[in-house]
């Protein structure tokens, strides 16, 4: 969860806020969900947040290269 907040704070992804009963929840579009998965994948490989974000964008633009 902290990772999602950080990604939003940095502007890497955006979410829509919605109320679900008493809670506010964040909804992500499919593209942002894919971007989050890729960024986390690259972070787990040891890349910095900025580099992981750049690599995620590159992979999303040209998935055949990865």
Protein backbone atom coordinates (compact mmCIF):
# COMPACT_ATOMS: atom_id res chain seq x y z
CA UNK A 1 0.00 0.00 0.00
CA UNK A 2 2.81 2.41 0.76
CA UNK A 3 4.18 1.74 -2.72
CA UNK A 4 0.90 2.82 -4.31
CA UNK A 5 0.84 6.03 -2.31
CA UNK A 6 4.42 6.75 -3.30
CA UNK A 7 3.69 6.13 -6.99
CA UNK A 8 0.76 8.52 -6.82
CA UNK A 9 2.78 11.15 -4.94
CA UNK A 10 5.54 11.02 -7.58
CA UNK A 11 2.92 11.32 -10.34
CA UNK A 12 3.73 7.97 -11.94
CA UNK A 13 0.09 6.85 -11.71
CA UNK A 14 -3.24 8.46 -10.92
CA UNK A 15 -6.35 7.08 -9.33
CA UNK A 16 -9.98 7.99 -9.09
CA UNK A 17 -11.37 8.33 -5.58
CA UNK A 18 -14.66 6.69 -4.74
CA UNK A 19 -16.61 6.02 -1.57
CA UNK A 20 -17.39 2.45 -0.65
CA UNK A 21 -19.66 2.45 2.38
CA UNK A 22 -17.62 4.29 5.03
CA UNK A 23 -14.27 4.11 3.22
CA UNK A 24 -12.66 6.06 0.45
CA UNK A 25 -11.08 3.74 -2.12
CA UNK A 26 -8.79 4.37 -5.05
CA UNK A 27 -9.64 3.01 -8.48
CA UNK A 28 -6.94 2.59 -11.10
CA UNK A 29 -7.40 2.31 -14.85
CA UNK A 30 -6.09 -0.85 -16.53
CA UNK A 31 -3.10 1.00 -18.00
CA UNK A 32 -2.08 2.30 -14.58
CA UNK A 33 -2.51 -1.17 -13.06
CA UNK A 34 -0.14 -2.60 -15.68
CA UNK A 35 2.31 0.23 -15.05
CA UNK A 36 2.22 -0.41 -11.29
CA UNK A 37 2.95 -4.12 -11.82
CA UNK A 38 5.91 -3.33 -14.06
CA UNK A 39 7.36 -0.67 -11.77
CA UNK A 40 7.17 -3.07 -8.82
CA UNK A 41 8.76 -5.81 -10.92
CA UNK A 42 11.72 -3.56 -11.73
CA UNK A 43 11.97 -2.31 -8.14
CA UNK A 44 12.29 -5.90 -6.96
CA UNK A 45 15.13 -6.31 -9.44
CA UNK A 46 16.97 -3.51 -7.66
CA UNK A 47 16.23 -0.47 -9.84
CA UNK A 48 15.53 2.97 -8.39
CA UNK A 49 11.97 4.31 -8.55
CA UNK A 50 12.81 6.64 -11.44
CA UNK A 51 14.58 3.96 -13.44
CA UNK A 52 11.85 1.41 -12.73
CA UNK A 53 9.26 3.92 -13.97
CA UNK A 54 11.23 4.62 -17.16
CA UNK A 55 11.72 0.92 -17.85
CA UNK A 56 8.00 0.28 -17.26
CA UNK A 57 7.09 2.98 -19.77
CA UNK A 58 9.53 1.53 -22.30
CA UNK A 59 8.12 -1.96 -21.86
CA UNK A 60 4.56 -0.70 -22.23
CA UNK A 61 5.49 1.16 -25.43
CA UNK A 62 7.36 -1.78 -26.99
CA UNK A 63 6.56 -5.03 -25.18
CA UNK A 64 8.22 -7.14 -27.87
CA UNK A 65 11.64 -5.86 -26.76
CA UNK A 66 11.21 -7.26 -23.26
